[in-house]
Amino acid sequence: MRAPLSSIPEALTVPEVMHALRLSRSKVYDLIRSRQLPSFTAGRARRIPVDAVREYMRNQMEEAA
């Protein structure tokens, strides 16, 4: 069952990405620096679009296949 669209965030925080991908904080920032995981800043906060996380996972699965 999918959550209502209004409850799905469009962008995630670094800790949320860490939790979703089971990665360390430094690894998430490495992915951002290497442009493997696109992000943007909102004020002083770094945000990662949900679609970017999904695309990263798709790319990882394709590389592993």
PDB file of N, CA and C in Angstrom:
ATOM      1  N   MET A   1       0.849  -1.180   0.000  1.00  0.00           N
ATOM      2  CA  MET A   1       0.000   0.000   0.000  1.00  0.00           C
ATOM      3  C   MET A   1       0.889   1.236   0.000  1.00  0.00           C
ATOM      4  N   ARG A   2       0.657   2.147  -0.894  1.00  0.00           N
ATOM      5  CA  ARG A   2       1.453   3.358  -1.006  1.00  0.00           C
ATOM      6  C   ARG A   2       0.906   4.444  -0.098  1.00  0.00           C
ATOM      7  N   ALA A   3       1.820   5.269   0.397  1.00  0.00           N
ATOM      8  CA  ALA A   3       1.428   6.396   1.238  1.00  0.00           C
ATOM      9  C   ALA A   3       0.792   7.475   0.372  1.00  0.00           C
ATOM     10  N   PRO A   4      -0.095   8.270   0.939  1.00  0.00           N
ATOM     11  CA  PRO A   4      -0.671   9.371   0.170  1.00  0.00           C
ATOM     12  C   PRO A   4       0.433  10.300  -0.328  1.00  0.00           C
ATOM     13  N   LEU A   5       0.263  10.841  -1.505  1.00  0.00           N
ATOM     14  CA  LEU A   5       1.292  11.676  -2.117  1.00  0.00           C
ATOM     15  C   LEU A   5       1.729  12.810  -1.201  1.00  0.00           C
ATOM     16  N   SER A   6       0.810  13.380  -0.465  1.00  0.00           N
ATOM     17  CA  SER A   6       1.144  14.506   0.396  1.00  0.00           C
ATOM     18  C   SER A   6       2.087  14.120   1.529  1.00  0.00           C
ATOM     19  N   SER A   7       2.183  12.840   1.878  1.00  0.00           N
ATOM     20  CA  SER A   7       3.063  12.430   2.963  1.00  0.00           C
ATOM     21  C   SER A   7       4.439  12.002   2.472  1.00  0.00           C
ATOM     22  N   ILE A   8       4.647  11.954   1.146  1.00  0.00           N
ATOM     23  CA  ILE A   8       5.931  11.577   0.593  1.00  0.00           C
ATOM     24  C   ILE A   8       6.732  12.850   0.341  1.00  0.00           C
ATOM     25  N   PRO A   9       7.896  12.983   0.999  1.00  0.00           N
ATOM     26  CA  PRO A   9       8.685  14.196   0.779  1.00  0.00           C
ATOM     27  C   PRO A   9       9.318  14.188  -0.610  1.00  0.00           C
ATOM     28  N   GLU A  10       9.494  15.356  -1.184  1.00  0.00           N
ATOM     29  CA  GLU A  10      10.146  15.483  -2.496  1.00  0.00           C
ATOM     30  C   GLU A  10      11.657  15.459  -2.353  1.00  0.00           C
ATOM     31  N   ALA A  11      12.156  15.883  -1.180  1.00  0.00           N
ATOM     32  CA  ALA A  11      13.589  15.921  -0.930  1.00  0.00           C
ATOM     33  C   ALA A  11      13.871  15.406   0.472  1.00  0.00           C
ATOM     34  N   LEU A  12      15.036  14.760   0.614  1.00  0.00           N
ATOM     35  CA  LEU A  12      15.423  14.159   1.885  1.00  0.00           C
ATOM     36  C   LEU A  12      16.621  14.882   2.478  1.00  0.00           C
ATOM     37  N   THR A  13      16.744  14.785   3.788  1.00  0.00           N
ATOM     38  CA  THR A  13      17.934  15.303   4.466  1.00  0.00           C
ATOM     39  C   THR A  13      19.045  14.264   4.358  1.00  0.00           C
ATOM     40  N   VAL A  14      20.266  14.665   4.666  1.00  0.00           N
ATOM     41  CA  VAL A  14      21.382  13.716   4.656  1.00  0.00           C
ATOM     42  C   VAL A  14      21.110  12.560   5.626  1.00  0.00           C
ATOM     43  N   PRO A  15      20.671  12.813   6.869  1.00  0.00           N
ATOM     44  CA  PRO A  15      20.382  11.680   7.754  1.00  0.00           C
ATOM     45  C   PRO A  15      19.306  10.733   7.208  1.00  0.00           C
ATOM     46  N   GLU A  16      18.308  11.277   6.507  1.00  0.00           N
ATOM     47  CA  GLU A  16      17.280  10.415   5.928  1.00  0.00           C
ATOM     48  C   GLU A  16      17.862   9.547   4.819  1.00  0.00           C
ATOM     49  N   VAL A  17      18.761  10.112   4.007  1.00  0.00           N
ATOM     50  CA  VAL A  17      19.423   9.324   2.960  1.00  0.00           C
ATOM     51  C   VAL A  17      20.331   8.276   3.600  1.00  0.00           C
ATOM     52  N   MET A  18      21.033   8.648   4.657  1.00  0.00           N
ATOM     53  CA  MET A  18      21.886   7.695   5.380  1.00  0.00           C
ATOM     54  C   MET A  18      21.058   6.490   5.823  1.00  0.00           C
ATOM     55  N   HIS A  19      19.911   6.763   6.382  1.00  0.00           N
ATOM     56  CA  HIS A  19      19.036   5.700   6.868  1.00  0.00           C
ATOM     57  C   HIS A  19      18.482   4.870   5.704  1.00  0.00           C
ATOM     58  N   ALA A  20      18.037   5.535   4.654  1.00  0.00           N
ATOM     59  CA  ALA A  20      17.426   4.834   3.514  1.00  0.00           C
ATOM     60  C   ALA A  20      18.412   3.916   2.811  1.00  0.00           C
ATOM     61  N   LEU A  21      19.664   4.382   2.660  1.00  0.00           N
ATOM     62  CA  LEU A  21      20.666   3.599   1.941  1.00  0.00           C
ATOM     63  C   LEU A  21      21.580   2.797   2.861  1.00  0.00           C
ATOM     64  N   ARG A  22      21.417   2.979   4.164  1.00  0.00           N
ATOM     65  CA  ARG A  22      22.253   2.297   5.153  1.00  0.00           C
ATOM     66  C   ARG A  22      23.727   2.614   4.925  1.00  0.00           C
ATOM     67  N   LEU A  23      24.009   3.926   4.762  1.00  0.00           N
ATOM     68  CA  LEU A  23      25.363   4.400   4.530  1.00  0.00           C
ATOM     69  C   LEU A  23      25.764   5.378   5.626  1.00  0.00           C
ATOM     70  N   SER A  24      27.075   5.569   5.761  1.00  0.00           N
ATOM     71  CA  SER A  24      27.562   6.534   6.743  1.00  0.00           C
ATOM     72  C   SER A  24      27.400   7.956   6.220  1.00  0.00           C
ATOM     73  N   ARG A  25      27.480   8.902   7.115  1.00  0.00           N
ATOM     74  CA  ARG A  25      27.374  10.310   6.754  1.00  0.00           C
ATOM     75  C   ARG A  25      28.470  10.678   5.750  1.00  0.00           C
ATOM     76  N   SER A  26      29.703  10.231   6.018  1.00  0.00           N
ATOM     77  CA  SER A  26      30.804  10.578   5.120  1.00  0.00           C
ATOM     78  C   SER A  26      30.603   9.976   3.731  1.00  0.00           C
ATOM     79  N   LYS A  27      30.053   8.769   3.641  1.00  0.00           N
ATOM     80  CA  LYS A  27      29.806   8.153   2.337  1.00  0.00           C
ATOM     81  C   LYS A  27      28.750   8.931   1.559  1.00  0.00           C
ATOM     82  N   VAL A  28      27.697   9.386   2.217  1.00  0.00           N
ATOM     83  CA  VAL A  28      26.662  10.175   1.547  1.00  0.00           C
ATOM     84  C   VAL A  28      27.280  11.466   1.013  1.00  0.00           C
ATOM     85  N   TYR A  29      28.104  12.135   1.818  1.00  0.00           N
ATOM     86  CA  TYR A  29      28.746  13.355   1.342  1.00  0.00           C
ATOM     87  C   TYR A  29      29.747  13.060   0.230  1.00  0.00           C
ATOM     88  N   ASP A  30      30.426  11.923   0.253  1.00  0.00           N
ATOM     89  CA  ASP A  30      31.303  11.516  -0.854  1.00  0.00           C
ATOM     90  C   ASP A  30      30.495  11.375  -2.145  1.00  0.00           C
ATOM     91  N   LEU A  31      29.321  10.758  -2.058  1.00  0.00           N
ATOM     92  CA  LEU A  31      28.466  10.595  -3.229  1.00  0.00           C
ATOM     93  C   LEU A  31      27.990  11.947  -3.756  1.00  0.00           C
ATOM     94  N   ILE A  32      27.714  12.867  -2.856  1.00  0.00           N
ATOM     95  CA  ILE A  32      27.298  14.211  -3.260  1.00  0.00           C
ATOM     96  C   ILE A  32      28.467  14.931  -3.939  1.00  0.00           C
ATOM     97  N   ARG A  33      29.655  14.871  -3.323  1.00  0.00           N
ATOM     98  CA  ARG A  33      30.829  15.537  -3.896  1.00  0.00           C
ATOM     99  C   ARG A  33      31.192  14.988  -5.271  1.00  0.00           C
ATOM    100  N   SER A  34      31.050  13.675  -5.451  1.00  0.00           N
ATOM    101  CA  SER A  34      31.398  13.048  -6.726  1.00  0.00           C
ATOM    102  C   SER A  34      30.272  13.151  -7.753  1.00  0.00           C
ATOM    103  N   ARG A  35      29.183  13.824  -7.376  1.00  0.00           N
ATOM    104  CA  ARG A  35      28.016  14.047  -8.241  1.00  0.00           C
ATOM    105  C   ARG A  35      27.293  12.749  -8.624  1.00  0.00           C
ATOM    106  N   GLN A  36      27.513  11.694  -7.858  1.00  0.00           N
ATOM    107  CA  GLN A  36      26.746  10.473  -8.056  1.00  0.00           C
ATOM    108  C   GLN A  36      25.354  10.609  -7.445  1.00  0.00           C
ATOM    109  N   LEU A  37      25.244  11.535  -6.505  1.00  0.00           N
ATOM    110  CA  LEU A  37      23.981  11.795  -5.827  1.00  0.00           C
ATOM    111  C   LEU A  37      23.729  13.304  -5.867  1.00  0.00           C
ATOM    112  N   PRO A  38      22.928  13.763  -6.821  1.00  0.00           N
ATOM    113  CA  PRO A  38      22.671  15.209  -6.933  1.00  0.00           C
ATOM    114  C   PRO A  38      21.983  15.752  -5.679  1.00  0.00           C
ATOM    115  N   SER A  39      22.307  17.000  -5.351  1.00  0.00           N
ATOM    116  CA  SER A  39      21.695  17.622  -4.180  1.00  0.00           C
ATOM    117  C   SER A  39      21.627  19.127  -4.393  1.00  0.00           C
ATOM    118  N   PHE A  40      20.960  19.791  -3.466  1.00  0.00           N
ATOM    119  CA  PHE A  40      20.880  21.251  -3.487  1.00  0.00           C
ATOM    120  C   PHE A  40      20.826  21.731  -2.051  1.00  0.00           C
ATOM    121  N   THR A  41      21.075  23.005  -1.872  1.00  0.00           N
ATOM    122  CA  THR A  41      20.967  23.571  -0.530  1.00  0.00           C
ATOM    123  C   THR A  41      19.723  24.439  -0.453  1.00  0.00           C
ATOM    124  N   ALA A  42      19.076  24.356   0.681  1.00  0.00           N
ATOM    125  CA  ALA A  42      17.928  25.198   0.997  1.00  0.00           C
ATOM    126  C   ALA A  42      18.313  25.945   2.267  1.00  0.00           C
ATOM    127  N   GLY A  43      18.720  27.199   2.096  1.00  0.00           N
ATOM    128  CA  GLY A  43      19.289  27.912   3.228  1.00  0.00           C
ATOM    129  C   GLY A  43      20.635  27.295   3.552  1.00  0.00           C
ATOM    130  N   ARG A  44      20.779  26.792   4.749  1.00  0.00           N
ATOM    131  CA  ARG A  44      22.016  26.120   5.148  1.00  0.00           C
ATOM    132  C   ARG A  44      21.884  24.601   5.113  1.00  0.00           C
ATOM    133  N   ALA A  45      20.723  24.112   4.741  1.00  0.00           N
ATOM    134  CA  ALA A  45      20.459  22.672   4.783  1.00  0.00           C
ATOM    135  C   ALA A  45      20.669  22.029   3.415  1.00  0.00           C
ATOM    136  N   ARG A  46      21.330  20.891   3.392  1.00  0.00           N
ATOM    137  CA  ARG A  46      21.534  20.110   2.173  1.00  0.00           C
ATOM    138  C   ARG A  46      20.334  19.199   1.984  1.00  0.00           C
ATOM    139  N   ARG A  47      19.801  19.161   0.776  1.00  0.00           N
ATOM    140  CA  ARG A  47      18.657  18.300   0.463  1.00  0.00           C
ATOM    141  C   ARG A  47      18.969  17.472  -0.775  1.00  0.00           C
ATOM    142  N   ILE A  48      18.484  16.240  -0.778  1.00  0.00           N
ATOM    143  CA  ILE A  48      18.674  15.305  -1.877  1.00  0.00           C
ATOM    144  C   ILE A  48      17.292  14.929  -2.394  1.00  0.00           C
ATOM    145  N   PRO A  49      17.019  15.203  -3.684  1.00  0.00           N
ATOM    146  CA  PRO A  49      15.715  14.829  -4.225  1.00  0.00           C
ATOM    147  C   PRO A  49      15.485  13.312  -4.138  1.00  0.00           C
ATOM    148  N   VAL A  50      14.270  12.923  -3.827  1.00  0.00           N
ATOM    149  CA  VAL A  50      13.921  11.506  -3.728  1.00  0.00           C
ATOM    150  C   VAL A  50      14.230  10.794  -5.043  1.00  0.00           C
ATOM    151  N   ASP A  51      13.945  11.451  -6.162  1.00  0.00           N
ATOM    152  CA  ASP A  51      14.222  10.838  -7.464  1.00  0.00           C
ATOM    153  C   ASP A  51      15.709  10.579  -7.660  1.00  0.00           C
ATOM    154  N   ALA A  52      16.567  11.430  -7.099  1.00  0.00           N
ATOM    155  CA  ALA A  52      18.016  11.229  -7.213  1.00  0.00           C
ATOM    156  C   ALA A  52      18.444   9.980  -6.445  1.00  0.00           C
ATOM    157  N   VAL A  53      17.839   9.751  -5.291  1.00  0.00           N
ATOM    158  CA  VAL A  53      18.149   8.552  -4.503  1.00  0.00           C
ATOM    159  C   VAL A  53      17.692   7.312  -5.265  1.00  0.00           C
ATOM    160  N   ARG A  54      16.499   7.365  -5.844  1.00  0.00           N
ATOM    161  CA  ARG A  54      16.001   6.225  -6.632  1.00  0.00           C
ATOM    162  C   ARG A  54      16.893   5.951  -7.841  1.00  0.00           C
ATOM    163  N   GLU A  55      17.330   7.009  -8.518  1.00  0.00           N
ATOM    164  CA  GLU A  55      18.203   6.855  -9.686  1.00  0.00           C
ATOM    165  C   GLU A  55      19.551   6.256  -9.274  1.00  0.00           C
ATOM    166  N   TYR A  56      20.083   6.708  -8.152  1.00  0.00           N
ATOM    167  CA  TYR A  56      21.338   6.146  -7.632  1.00  0.00           C
ATOM    168  C   TYR A  56      21.175   4.643  -7.379  1.00  0.00           C
ATOM    169  N   MET A  57      20.073   4.249  -6.764  1.00  0.00           N
ATOM    170  CA  MET A  57      19.839   2.827  -6.496  1.00  0.00           C
ATOM    171  C   MET A  57      19.711   2.041  -7.791  1.00  0.00           C
ATOM    172  N   ARG A  58      18.997   2.592  -8.772  1.00  0.00           N
ATOM    173  CA  ARG A  58      18.875   1.920 -10.080  1.00  0.00           C
ATOM    174  C   ARG A  58      20.239   1.720 -10.729  1.00  0.00           C
ATOM    175  N   ASN A  59      21.064   2.777 -10.689  1.00  0.00           N
ATOM    176  CA  ASN A  59      22.405   2.678 -11.271  1.00  0.00           C
ATOM    177  C   ASN A  59      23.252   1.629 -10.563  1.00  0.00           C
ATOM    178  N   GLN A  60      23.130   1.563  -9.253  1.00  0.00           N
ATOM    179  CA  GLN A  60      23.901   0.565  -8.503  1.00  0.00           C
ATOM    180  C   GLN A  60      23.450  -0.846  -8.855  1.00  0.00           C
ATOM    181  N   MET A  61      22.160  -1.029  -9.024  1.00  0.00           N
ATOM    182  CA  MET A  61      21.640  -2.357  -9.376  1.00  0.00           C
ATOM    183  C   MET A  61      22.080  -2.751 -10.788  1.00  0.00           C
ATOM    184  N   GLU A  62      22.100  -1.796 -11.717  1.00  0.00           N
ATOM    185  CA  GLU A  62      22.541  -2.085 -13.084  1.00  0.00           C
ATOM    186  C   GLU A  62      24.020  -2.456 -13.116  1.00  0.00           C
ATOM    187  N   GLU A  63      24.825  -1.765 -12.318  1.00  0.00           N
ATOM    188  CA  GLU A  63      26.251  -2.068 -12.261  1.00  0.00           C
ATOM    189  C   GLU A  63      26.509  -3.440 -11.652  1.00  0.00           C
ATOM    190  N   ALA A  64      25.665  -3.828 -10.722  1.00  0.00           N
ATOM    191  CA  ALA A  64      25.846  -5.110 -10.048  1.00  0.00           C
ATOM    192  C   ALA A  64      25.376  -6.283 -10.922  1.00  0.00           C
ATOM    193  N   ALA A  65      24.541  -6.005 -11.900  1.00  0.00           N
ATOM    194  CA  ALA A  65      23.982  -7.082 -12.744  1.00  0.00           C
ATOM    195  C   ALA A  65      24.982  -7.591 -13.762  1.00  0.00           C
TER     196      ALA A  65
END
